[in-house]
Structures are given as structure tokens and as C-alpha cells.
Amino acid sequence: MPAMNDEDEHPLRYPLVNELHARPSPRLKAPCTAVFLAVKEPREAANRDRARDVAHLAALCARHGAPRPDTSAGHYAAQLGRHQLRWESHTEFVTYAAFSPGLPPRPFDPSAGAIFPEDWQHQAPGKRIAAVMIQVDVLPDDPAEIMPRLREWFAADSIATVWVLEEAAVVAGDFRIDPDGWMRFALFVKPGTQPGRIGRIVQRLLDLETYRAMSMLGLGGARRLTEDLNALDPQLNDLLQGMSDDTRPAETVLHELLTISARLESTATQQAFRFGATAAYEAIVMDRVTSLRESRFMGGQMLTEFMARRYHPAMRTVKSAEKRLAAMLDRSERAGELLRTRVDVQRSAQNQELMVRMDRRADLQLRLQHTVEGLSVVAISYYAVGLLGYALYPVAHALDIDKAVLVAALTPVAVAAVWLGMRRIKARLHSDEH
């Protein structure tokens, strides 16, 4: 069979296929520890200078003598001493995950995070949005034996403890930040659980916390948006109620409405990306919860129950603010259409009144023209009779006709002739216009 010709390949075919395999889950053996950081620029994170992210990663690699990362890479993996490092660049943030065998001297000892030094974190081009520590241990033959440790590690009022992946492992966490800044999860796996499966569980927990944190950014934006809408809503309501007031010029009301609409449109533009990102992150969070295939462990709270009580209300607040903004935009748009209709009606009435005035003026001009025409006939006839009288006076003298009789005879003839002449000129002008 002949080999495929590279010239026939779409230029993105191989990069897109390779992207499917670019970020495999780690392969981990119990016991082990995972420490994780997600770093995000506070503003304009999607448009950040990604070269700074790579430079910051390179500084960490240089500390441990690891190979320098490719400046164009969106992901990186290397062995840093006893830690397996994985770095990924996302749309709004970058993540650092370090996996090491064994457990720290004390449960969730902050020394396990020493792979990410404080001074190095302080120099990061962004701020921590998530910091997670996961301890992976072997589940004892009697799962109830882990309960004293869980009660010691986690807050009783928010702990979620579940079986995952058809009771292959137990996951526990309280979604709280400890005094050292880490969010803790405990993972207990049954003996013989494959490294790939352990790695997938850990990766899903990391994704769950990262995207939960990123989606919650929308809550802050929703609260600020609600404050803005609370200020604009009364203004819009007052404007709509005053639309029926004929004493206020429609143009003035329309100008006020345009000011409110412009602020709403500006707010919608600013919030569009965050609302869209929040919806996408929420979908990933719920996908990660579903993929764990959890079941209840010893009557404890499940992840889905925790999300329903603590997480979903926040997401509903974001969606409510988004819907309220869309509703106010629709109201302002409908109000604008009504005002434009009112302005058009008023202008039509003004135009109609102007046309009536123009008709009256034209009628007046026509009457004035007829009057002028009559006076013109009289004036022209007067001069015509005078000229004809002078011209025919010798003839009248020869025929012994009195001058007064001659003028009297010429007057009706001259008037008729002038009148007919003006009629013919007027008729010719009308015919030329048509």
C-alpha cells in the first residue's frame, strides 16, 4: 500500500491529534503526595504575556537542574529530584503539579510544598487561585479505621467522604483552606489499584478544585454587577414610567435612555467573557464529579450533596445576574423602540402641520398672484390704451372722431387683448413645466 503524501495533510491534523495525548494523567503508587498550584493574572489573564509564564517555569527548573522548557510549549514534564513535575498553560491560568513518593512526616505537612519555594511563588506573574495538597495512602482492610484520621484532618461540618470508581478508593475533603494556605484532600486506595487509576483520581480532584475556584470568580463579578444593576434599575423604571408624560420632550427622554443603554452595553461587554468562562468551568466541575462515579461512604456527605448546598447556589447567583442584565438590556431596547416611535409620530404630526401651513401659504400666494395678474392687466391696458390713443389720434382727427370716444372704444379692446395674451403666456408656461 503506498505511503500517504504529507502534502495532502491538513496543516493542523497532527497538532490536533497530538493535543489529545499531550496531558496524560500521572501514574502514581500509594503512598504518595501531590502538591498543586494554579496561578492566574488578576486582570486580562486571557491576554497575558505567556512568555513570562514560561520564564517563571524555567526559573523553577533551573533551581533543580532540570531541562529548560520550550518557550512555545503549552505543557511540560520533568523530574525535579524526587518530584515528578507537570506544568500546563491554560486560557486564563497555569498549573504546577508535583508528585512525590511517600507521605510527609506529619499529615499534610506544609514542608511537602517546599518544591514551590515562597520566594519563587512571590515572583510569579500572577497570583495563586488554587493550592491543593493530596495525600494518597493505602486503604486498610477495615475502611472504618480511617474515620478517626479524617475527623482529625477535616472540618466535621463540611467534610465529604465518598467511595469512587466502584469502591476502588475513598476520597475525603472539606473544601477549606488550612492555615498554611493549602486545600486538603485524602485519597485511600485499595491494595493493588493500578498506578494509572490512582493518577486519574488525583487528576480529577485537582481539576475539580481548580475549575471550582475559577468558576467562583464569576460570583464576585455577579455581585459587582448586581450593585450596578441595582443603581440603574430605578433610573430605567422612572424613565419608562415617564414616557407617557407629554410635557417632557421625547428627544430628551431618548437621550437619557441612550445613556442608560450605553452603560448596560458596556457592562455586558465587560462581563461577557467572565460569564461564559464561568459556565464552561462549572460544566468541567460537574463533569469531574460525575467521572468519579461516587457512592456513599459510611453515611457521610457526598460530593454532589456538597456541591448542591455550597457550590450550586453561587452558580445560580451568577446565572441570575446574567439573566437580569439580559432582561434590562431587552427592556432598554424596547423602551428605545417605543421612544423612537413616539418621536416619529411627533415628527409626522409636525410634518403634517407644516404641510397644512405650506398649503395655506401656497393658496395665499395663488390668490395674491391672481390679484397681481388683475392689476397687471389693468396697468398694461392703461398704457396700451394710451399708446394706441396717441397712435390713432391723427386718424380720429381726420375722421372727425372725438378723442374721448376713441379712448372709450379702445379700452375694452386693449383689456381683452392683454388678458388673452397673458392667458396664452400662462398656459404655455404650464405646458413647459409638464
Protein backbone atom coordinates (compact mmCIF):
# COMPACT_ATOMS: atom_id res chain seq x y z
CA MET A 1 0.00 0.00 0.00
CA PRO A 2 1.54 3.37 -0.97
CA ALA A 3 2.53 5.76 1.82
CA MET A 4 0.41 8.83 2.46
CA ASN A 5 1.62 12.07 0.94
CA ASP A 6 2.29 14.77 3.56
CA GLU A 7 1.24 17.40 1.05
CA ASP A 8 -2.32 16.06 1.26
CA GLU A 9 -2.47 16.51 5.06
CA HIS A 10 -4.24 19.42 6.68
CA PRO A 11 -1.60 21.51 8.50
CA LEU A 12 -3.44 21.13 11.81
CA ARG A 13 -4.16 17.41 11.63
CA TYR A 14 -1.11 16.19 13.55
CA PRO A 15 -1.02 19.04 16.11
CA LEU A 16 -4.70 18.49 16.93
CA VAL A 17 -4.26 14.73 17.35
CA ASN A 18 -1.14 15.25 19.46
CA GLU A 19 -3.12 17.63 21.68
CA LEU A 20 -5.33 14.71 22.69
CA HIS A 21 -2.31 12.96 24.20
CA ALA A 22 -0.37 15.98 25.42
CA ARG A 23 -1.63 15.95 29.01
CA PRO A 24 -1.91 12.34 30.22
CA SER A 25 -2.79 11.67 33.84
CA PRO A 26 0.17 10.85 36.08
CA ARG A 27 0.94 7.29 37.12
CA LEU A 28 1.14 7.14 40.89
CA LYS A 29 1.72 4.46 43.51
CA ALA A 30 0.41 4.60 47.07
CA PRO A 31 1.59 6.03 49.33
CA CYS A 32 2.46 9.32 47.64
CA THR A 33 1.87 13.06 47.92
CA ALA A 34 0.64 15.56 45.33
CA VAL A 35 1.09 19.31 45.70
CA PHE A 36 -0.51 21.61 43.17
CA LEU A 37 -0.63 25.31 42.35
CA ALA A 38 -2.78 27.25 39.88
CA VAL A 39 -1.56 30.79 39.13
CA LYS A 40 -3.65 33.43 37.40
CA GLU A 41 -3.12 37.05 36.43
CA PRO A 42 -5.66 39.21 38.32
CA ARG A 43 -6.63 41.14 35.16
CA GLU A 44 -6.69 40.35 31.45
CA ALA A 45 -5.46 36.83 32.14
CA ALA A 46 -6.53 35.53 28.74
CA ASN A 47 -4.35 38.16 27.03
CA ARG A 48 -1.33 37.81 29.31
CA ASP A 49 2.27 37.56 28.14
CA ARG A 50 2.71 33.79 28.15
CA ALA A 51 6.48 34.13 27.77
CA ARG A 52 6.56 35.31 31.39
CA ASP A 53 4.85 32.07 32.46
CA VAL A 54 7.50 30.01 30.67
CA ALA A 55 10.28 32.14 32.15
CA HIS A 56 8.88 31.55 35.63
CA LEU A 57 8.77 27.81 34.97
CA ALA A 58 12.35 27.95 33.68
CA ALA A 59 13.44 29.60 36.93
CA LEU A 60 11.99 26.67 38.90
CA CYS A 61 13.66 24.16 36.60
CA ALA A 62 17.00 25.96 36.95
CA ARG A 63 16.83 25.64 40.74
CA HIS A 64 16.62 21.86 40.42
CA GLY A 65 18.87 21.39 37.40
CA ALA A 66 16.04 20.23 35.15
CA PRO A 67 15.97 20.82 31.36
CA ARG A 68 14.85 24.27 30.26
CA PRO A 69 11.27 24.27 28.87
CA ASP A 70 10.45 25.12 25.28
CA THR A 71 9.31 28.75 25.08
CA SER A 72 6.41 27.80 22.81
CA ALA A 73 5.24 24.82 24.84
CA GLY A 74 1.83 24.70 26.45
CA HIS A 75 2.82 21.83 28.73
CA TYR A 76 5.98 20.49 30.33
CA ALA A 77 7.03 17.46 32.37
CA ALA A 78 10.33 16.75 34.10
CA GLN A 79 11.83 15.04 37.10
CA LEU A 80 12.88 17.54 39.78
CA GLY A 81 14.79 15.48 42.33
CA ARG A 82 12.28 13.14 43.91
CA HIS A 83 9.36 15.10 42.47
CA GLN A 84 7.64 14.46 39.16
CA LEU A 85 6.72 17.95 37.87
CA ARG A 86 3.91 18.68 35.43
CA TRP A 87 3.22 22.20 34.13
CA GLU A 88 0.30 23.22 31.92
CA SER A 89 -0.75 26.51 30.37
CA HIS A 90 -4.47 27.20 30.11
CA THR A 91 -6.53 30.06 28.74
CA GLU A 92 -6.50 32.07 31.97
CA PHE A 93 -4.04 30.32 34.25
CA VAL A 94 -1.06 28.00 34.54
CA THR A 95 -0.79 24.95 36.80
CA TYR A 96 2.13 23.32 38.57
CA ALA A 97 1.73 19.79 39.93
CA ALA A 98 4.47 17.90 41.77
CA PHE A 99 4.12 14.24 42.72
CA SER A 100 6.49 12.56 45.15
CA PRO A 101 6.55 9.04 46.66
CA GLY A 102 5.77 8.61 50.32
CA LEU A 103 3.98 10.81 52.84
CA PRO A 104 5.29 13.79 54.84
CA PRO A 105 6.36 13.33 58.47
CA ARG A 106 3.11 14.85 59.66
CA PRO A 107 -0.22 14.62 57.81
CA PHE A 108 -0.45 17.47 55.30
CA ASP A 109 2.83 18.92 56.49
CA PRO A 110 3.48 22.20 54.60
CA SER A 111 7.07 21.03 54.05
CA ALA A 112 5.65 18.81 51.29
CA GLY A 113 5.11 22.00 49.29
CA ALA A 114 8.77 23.07 49.54
CA ILE A 115 9.16 22.13 45.88
CA PHE A 116 7.48 25.50 45.24
CA PRO A 117 9.58 27.94 47.32
CA GLU A 118 7.91 31.01 48.77
CA ASP A 119 10.27 33.47 47.09
CA TRP A 120 9.72 31.77 43.74
CA GLN A 121 5.93 31.95 44.21
CA HIS A 122 6.24 35.63 45.13
CA GLN A 123 7.92 36.30 41.76
CA ALA A 124 5.17 34.56 39.77
CA PRO A 125 3.47 36.59 37.02
CA GLY A 126 0.13 36.19 38.73
CA LYS A 127 -1.49 35.15 41.99
CA ARG A 128 -2.47 31.76 43.43
CA ILE A 129 -6.04 30.87 42.59
CA ALA A 130 -5.71 27.29 43.87
CA ALA A 131 -3.26 25.43 46.11
CA VAL A 132 -4.01 21.76 46.76
CA MET A 133 -2.28 19.01 48.71
CA ILE A 134 -3.42 15.42 48.24
CA GLN A 135 -2.18 12.55 50.36
CA VAL A 136 -2.57 9.11 48.80
CA ASP A 137 -2.44 6.14 51.16
CA VAL A 138 -3.46 2.51 51.16
CA LEU A 139 -6.97 1.77 52.40
CA PRO A 140 -6.92 -0.64 55.37
CA ASP A 141 -8.86 -3.86 55.29
CA ASP A 142 -11.45 -2.26 57.55
CA PRO A 143 -12.35 1.09 55.89
CA ALA A 144 -13.82 2.33 59.17
CA GLU A 145 -10.27 2.64 60.56
CA ILE A 146 -9.67 5.81 58.51
CA MET A 147 -12.53 7.71 60.16
CA PRO A 148 -10.54 8.93 63.23
CA ARG A 149 -7.89 10.35 60.93
CA LEU A 150 -10.48 12.07 58.72
CA ARG A 151 -12.15 13.66 61.75
CA GLU A 152 -8.75 14.96 62.82
CA TRP A 153 -7.81 16.34 59.39
CA PHE A 154 -11.08 17.87 58.20
CA ALA A 155 -13.90 20.07 59.47
CA ALA A 156 -16.86 17.95 60.51
CA ASP A 157 -19.50 20.39 59.21
CA SER A 158 -18.28 20.33 55.59
CA ILE A 159 -16.35 17.10 55.09
CA ALA A 160 -17.36 14.97 52.12
CA THR A 161 -16.30 11.33 52.17
CA VAL A 162 -17.19 9.02 49.27
CA TRP A 163 -16.32 5.83 47.52
CA VAL A 164 -15.16 6.47 43.95
CA LEU A 165 -14.84 4.34 40.81
CA GLU A 166 -16.99 1.46 42.01
CA GLU A 167 -15.45 1.48 45.51
CA ALA A 168 -11.89 1.32 44.28
CA ALA A 169 -10.89 4.16 46.58
CA VAL A 170 -12.14 6.58 49.23
CA VAL A 171 -11.88 10.34 48.72
CA ALA A 172 -12.27 12.81 51.59
CA GLY A 173 -12.04 16.60 51.73
CA ASP A 174 -13.73 19.61 53.32
CA PHE A 175 -13.01 22.28 50.66
CA ARG A 176 -11.42 24.53 53.27
CA ILE A 177 -8.03 26.26 53.19
CA ASP A 178 -5.76 25.25 56.06
CA PRO A 179 -3.58 27.76 58.00
CA ASP A 180 -0.70 27.17 55.58
CA GLY A 181 -2.82 28.03 52.52
CA TRP A 182 -3.43 24.51 51.19
CA MET A 183 -6.71 22.83 50.40
CA ARG A 184 -6.52 19.24 51.56
CA PHE A 185 -7.78 16.01 50.06
CA ALA A 186 -7.16 12.50 51.34
CA LEU A 187 -7.25 9.55 48.98
CA PHE A 188 -7.22 5.97 50.23
CA VAL A 189 -6.88 3.31 47.53
CA LYS A 190 -7.43 -0.40 47.83
CA PRO A 191 -4.30 -2.54 47.63
CA GLY A 192 -3.44 -3.46 44.07
CA THR A 193 -5.04 -0.38 42.49
CA GLN A 194 -3.23 0.36 39.25
CA PRO A 195 -0.97 3.47 39.11
CA GLY A 196 -2.88 4.79 36.11
CA ARG A 197 -6.14 4.64 38.01
CA ILE A 198 -4.68 6.37 41.04
CA GLY A 199 -3.29 9.08 38.77
CA ARG A 200 -6.68 9.62 37.13
CA ILE A 201 -8.40 10.04 40.50
CA VAL A 202 -5.78 12.54 41.66
CA GLN A 203 -6.02 14.46 38.39
CA ARG A 204 -9.80 14.66 38.64
CA LEU A 205 -9.57 16.00 42.17
CA LEU A 206 -7.06 18.63 41.05
CA ASP A 207 -9.28 19.60 38.14
CA LEU A 208 -12.31 19.69 40.43
CA GLU A 209 -10.71 22.20 42.80
CA THR A 210 -9.03 24.28 40.07
CA TYR A 211 -12.13 24.76 37.97
CA ARG A 212 -14.28 25.24 41.06
CA ALA A 213 -12.02 28.12 42.06
CA MET A 214 -12.04 29.57 38.55
CA SER A 215 -15.82 29.34 38.25
CA MET A 216 -16.26 31.09 41.59
CA LEU A 217 -14.58 34.17 40.11
CA GLY A 218 -17.87 34.75 38.35
CA LEU A 219 -19.57 35.18 41.75
CA GLY A 220 -17.51 38.28 42.51
CA GLY A 221 -18.34 39.71 39.11
CA ALA A 222 -22.01 38.86 39.61
CA ARG A 223 -22.09 40.71 42.94
CA ARG A 224 -20.48 43.81 41.41
CA LEU A 225 -22.87 43.58 38.50
CA THR A 226 -25.84 43.33 40.86
CA GLU A 227 -24.75 46.56 42.56
CA ASP A 228 -24.55 48.32 39.19
CA LEU A 229 -27.92 46.97 38.12
CA ASN A 230 -29.48 47.99 41.43
CA ALA A 231 -28.38 51.56 40.66
CA LEU A 232 -29.54 51.51 37.02
CA ASP A 233 -32.84 49.69 37.53
CA PRO A 234 -34.66 52.60 39.29
CA GLN A 235 -33.41 55.02 36.65
CA LEU A 236 -34.73 52.80 33.88
CA ASN A 237 -38.05 52.29 35.68
CA ASP A 238 -38.50 56.04 36.23
CA LEU A 239 -37.71 56.69 32.60
CA LEU A 240 -40.20 54.07 31.39
CA GLN A 241 -42.94 55.40 33.69
CA GLY A 242 -42.30 58.95 32.47
CA MET A 243 -42.56 58.04 28.80
CA SER A 244 -46.27 58.86 28.83
CA ASP A 245 -45.57 62.39 30.09
CA ASP A 246 -46.18 64.60 27.07
CA THR A 247 -44.64 67.58 28.80
CA ARG A 248 -41.18 66.01 28.52
CA PRO A 249 -39.69 66.18 25.04
CA ALA A 250 -39.17 62.74 23.55
CA GLU A 251 -35.68 63.69 22.39
CA THR A 252 -34.67 64.45 26.00
CA VAL A 253 -36.06 61.14 27.25
CA LEU A 254 -34.34 59.31 24.40
CA HIS A 255 -31.02 60.91 25.31
CA GLU A 256 -31.40 59.75 28.92
CA LEU A 257 -32.28 56.25 27.73
CA LEU A 258 -29.24 56.15 25.48
CA THR A 259 -27.05 56.98 28.47
CA ILE A 260 -28.51 54.07 30.47
CA SER A 261 -28.34 51.70 27.49
CA ALA A 262 -24.71 52.61 26.88
CA ARG A 263 -23.84 51.74 30.47
CA LEU A 264 -25.72 48.44 30.21
CA GLU A 265 -24.00 47.54 26.95
CA SER A 266 -20.60 48.43 28.40
CA THR A 267 -21.30 46.29 31.46
CA ALA A 268 -22.47 43.40 29.28
CA THR A 269 -19.29 43.61 27.20
CA GLN A 270 -17.11 43.58 30.30
CA GLN A 271 -18.94 40.62 31.85
CA ALA A 272 -19.48 38.52 28.72
CA PHE A 273 -16.14 36.68 28.92
CA ARG A 274 -16.41 36.01 32.67
CA PHE A 275 -19.97 34.70 32.41
CA GLY A 276 -19.02 32.44 29.50
CA ALA A 277 -15.92 31.18 31.31
CA THR A 278 -17.91 30.55 34.50
CA ALA A 279 -20.42 28.41 32.62
CA ALA A 280 -17.60 26.43 30.97
CA TYR A 281 -15.75 25.92 34.26
CA GLU A 282 -18.94 24.85 36.03
CA ALA A 283 -19.53 22.23 33.35
CA ILE A 284 -15.99 20.89 33.87
CA VAL A 285 -16.51 20.75 37.65
CA MET A 286 -19.68 18.74 37.32
CA ASP A 287 -18.05 16.51 34.71
CA ARG A 288 -15.20 15.73 37.11
CA VAL A 289 -17.64 14.93 39.92
CA THR A 290 -19.60 12.64 37.61
CA SER A 291 -16.46 10.92 36.32
CA LEU A 292 -15.52 9.92 39.88
CA ARG A 293 -18.68 7.77 39.97
CA GLU A 294 -19.09 8.32 43.69
CA SER A 295 -21.18 6.37 46.16
CA ARG A 296 -21.87 6.99 49.85
CA PHE A 297 -19.18 6.01 52.35
CA MET A 298 -20.38 5.15 55.86
CA GLY A 299 -23.28 7.60 55.71
CA GLY A 300 -21.07 10.59 55.01
CA GLN A 301 -21.79 13.57 52.82
CA MET A 302 -21.27 13.03 49.09
CA LEU A 303 -19.54 15.43 46.72
CA THR A 304 -22.77 16.01 44.80
CA GLU A 305 -24.52 16.92 48.05
CA PHE A 306 -21.75 19.33 48.99
CA MET A 307 -21.94 20.94 45.56
CA ALA A 308 -25.71 21.21 45.76
CA ARG A 309 -25.53 23.00 49.14
CA ARG A 310 -22.38 25.13 48.77
CA TYR A 311 -21.48 25.44 45.10
CA HIS A 312 -24.67 25.46 43.04
CA PRO A 313 -26.19 28.48 44.87
CA ALA A 314 -23.15 30.52 43.84
CA MET A 315 -23.52 29.42 40.24
CA ARG A 316 -27.24 30.22 40.32
CA THR A 317 -26.37 33.71 41.58
CA VAL A 318 -24.08 34.20 38.58
CA LYS A 319 -26.73 32.96 36.17
CA SER A 320 -29.37 35.13 37.83
CA ALA A 321 -27.20 38.24 37.43
CA GLU A 322 -26.57 37.34 33.81
CA LYS A 323 -30.29 36.90 33.13
CA ARG A 324 -31.11 40.15 34.91
CA LEU A 325 -28.58 42.01 32.78
CA ALA A 326 -30.05 40.48 29.62
CA ALA A 327 -33.58 41.40 30.77
CA MET A 328 -32.59 45.01 31.43
CA LEU A 329 -30.92 45.20 28.02
CA ASP A 330 -34.15 43.95 26.44
CA ARG A 331 -36.20 46.48 28.41
CA SER A 332 -33.96 49.35 27.38
CA GLU A 333 -34.10 48.19 23.77
CA ARG A 334 -37.91 48.01 23.80
CA ALA A 335 -38.08 51.41 25.50
CA GLY A 336 -35.82 52.79 22.80
CA GLU A 337 -38.12 51.44 20.11
CA LEU A 338 -41.16 52.98 21.83
CA LEU A 339 -39.41 56.33 22.16
CA ARG A 340 -38.32 56.25 18.55
CA THR A 341 -41.91 55.51 17.58
CA ARG A 342 -43.08 58.43 19.70
CA VAL A 343 -40.51 60.71 18.10
CA ASP A 344 -41.54 59.53 14.64
CA VAL A 345 -45.22 60.16 15.43
CA GLN A 346 -44.45 63.62 16.73
CA ARG A 347 -42.36 64.39 13.70
CA SER A 348 -45.10 63.11 11.42
CA ALA A 349 -47.59 65.40 13.16
CA GLN A 350 -45.17 68.30 12.83
CA ASN A 351 -44.63 67.48 9.16
CA GLN A 352 -48.38 67.30 8.59
CA GLU A 353 -48.88 70.66 10.29
CA LEU A 354 -46.07 72.10 8.19
CA MET A 355 -47.70 70.76 5.02
CA VAL A 356 -51.02 72.40 6.02
CA ARG A 357 -49.23 75.68 6.55
CA MET A 358 -47.48 75.32 3.22
CA ASP A 359 -50.83 74.61 1.53
CA ARG A 360 -52.31 77.73 3.10
CA ARG A 361 -49.31 79.76 2.08
CA ALA A 362 -49.50 78.43 -1.49
CA ASP A 363 -53.20 79.23 -1.63
CA LEU A 364 -52.44 82.72 -0.38
CA GLN A 365 -49.72 83.12 -2.95
CA LEU A 366 -52.09 81.93 -5.66
CA ARG A 367 -54.71 84.45 -4.63
CA LEU A 368 -52.08 87.14 -4.47
CA GLN A 369 -50.88 86.06 -7.89
CA HIS A 370 -54.40 86.33 -9.31
CA THR A 371 -54.72 89.77 -7.76
CA VAL A 372 -51.39 90.82 -9.23
CA GLU A 373 -52.40 89.41 -12.58
CA GLY A 374 -55.62 91.51 -12.50
CA LEU A 375 -53.73 94.62 -11.57
CA SER A 376 -51.16 93.85 -14.25
CA VAL A 377 -53.91 93.59 -16.87
CA VAL A 378 -55.29 96.96 -15.77
CA ALA A 379 -51.84 98.58 -15.75
CA ILE A 380 -50.79 97.18 -19.12
CA SER A 381 -54.16 98.01 -20.61
CA TYR A 382 -53.87 101.56 -19.32
CA TYR A 383 -50.55 102.07 -21.03
CA ALA A 384 -51.72 100.21 -24.15
CA VAL A 385 -54.79 102.44 -24.47
CA GLY A 386 -52.57 105.50 -24.05
CA LEU A 387 -50.16 104.38 -26.72
CA LEU A 388 -52.94 103.38 -29.11
CA GLY A 389 -54.68 106.69 -28.45
CA TYR A 390 -51.59 108.60 -29.45
CA ALA A 391 -51.10 106.37 -32.47
CA LEU A 392 -54.73 106.64 -33.73
CA TYR A 393 -55.37 110.27 -32.81
CA PRO A 394 -54.47 111.57 -36.32
CA VAL A 395 -56.85 109.04 -37.87
CA ALA A 396 -59.61 110.02 -35.43
CA HIS A 397 -58.99 113.70 -36.20
CA ALA A 398 -59.22 113.01 -39.90
CA LEU A 399 -62.45 111.11 -39.43
CA ASP A 400 -63.70 113.82 -37.05
CA ILE A 401 -63.97 111.33 -34.13
CA ASP A 402 -63.76 112.74 -30.63
CA LYS A 403 -60.66 111.68 -28.66
CA ALA A 404 -62.75 110.57 -25.67
CA VAL A 405 -64.87 108.35 -27.91
CA LEU A 406 -61.67 106.86 -29.40
CA VAL A 407 -60.26 106.09 -25.95
CA ALA A 408 -63.55 104.59 -24.83
CA ALA A 409 -63.60 102.34 -27.88
CA LEU A 410 -60.01 101.24 -27.49
CA THR A 411 -60.23 100.44 -23.75
CA PRO A 412 -62.25 97.17 -23.91
CA VAL A 413 -60.29 96.02 -26.93
CA ALA A 414 -56.95 96.65 -25.19
CA VAL A 415 -58.08 94.99 -21.94
CA ALA A 416 -59.33 91.93 -23.81
CA ALA A 417 -56.18 91.68 -25.86
CA VAL A 418 -53.91 91.98 -22.80
CA TRP A 419 -55.96 89.47 -20.84
CA LEU A 420 -55.90 86.93 -23.69
CA GLY A 421 -52.19 87.46 -24.16
CA MET A 422 -51.44 86.78 -20.50
CA ARG A 423 -53.63 83.66 -20.54
CA ARG A 424 -51.71 82.30 -23.51
CA ILE A 425 -48.36 83.01 -21.83
CA LYS A 426 -49.53 81.34 -18.60
CA ALA A 427 -50.82 78.29 -20.49
CA ARG A 428 -47.51 77.97 -22.36
CA LEU A 429 -45.55 78.12 -19.10
CA HIS A 430 -47.72 75.36 -17.57
CA SER A 431 -47.24 73.18 -20.65
CA ASP A 432 -43.46 73.67 -20.46
CA GLU A 433 -43.42 72.60 -16.78
CA HIS A 434 -45.20 69.33 -17.62
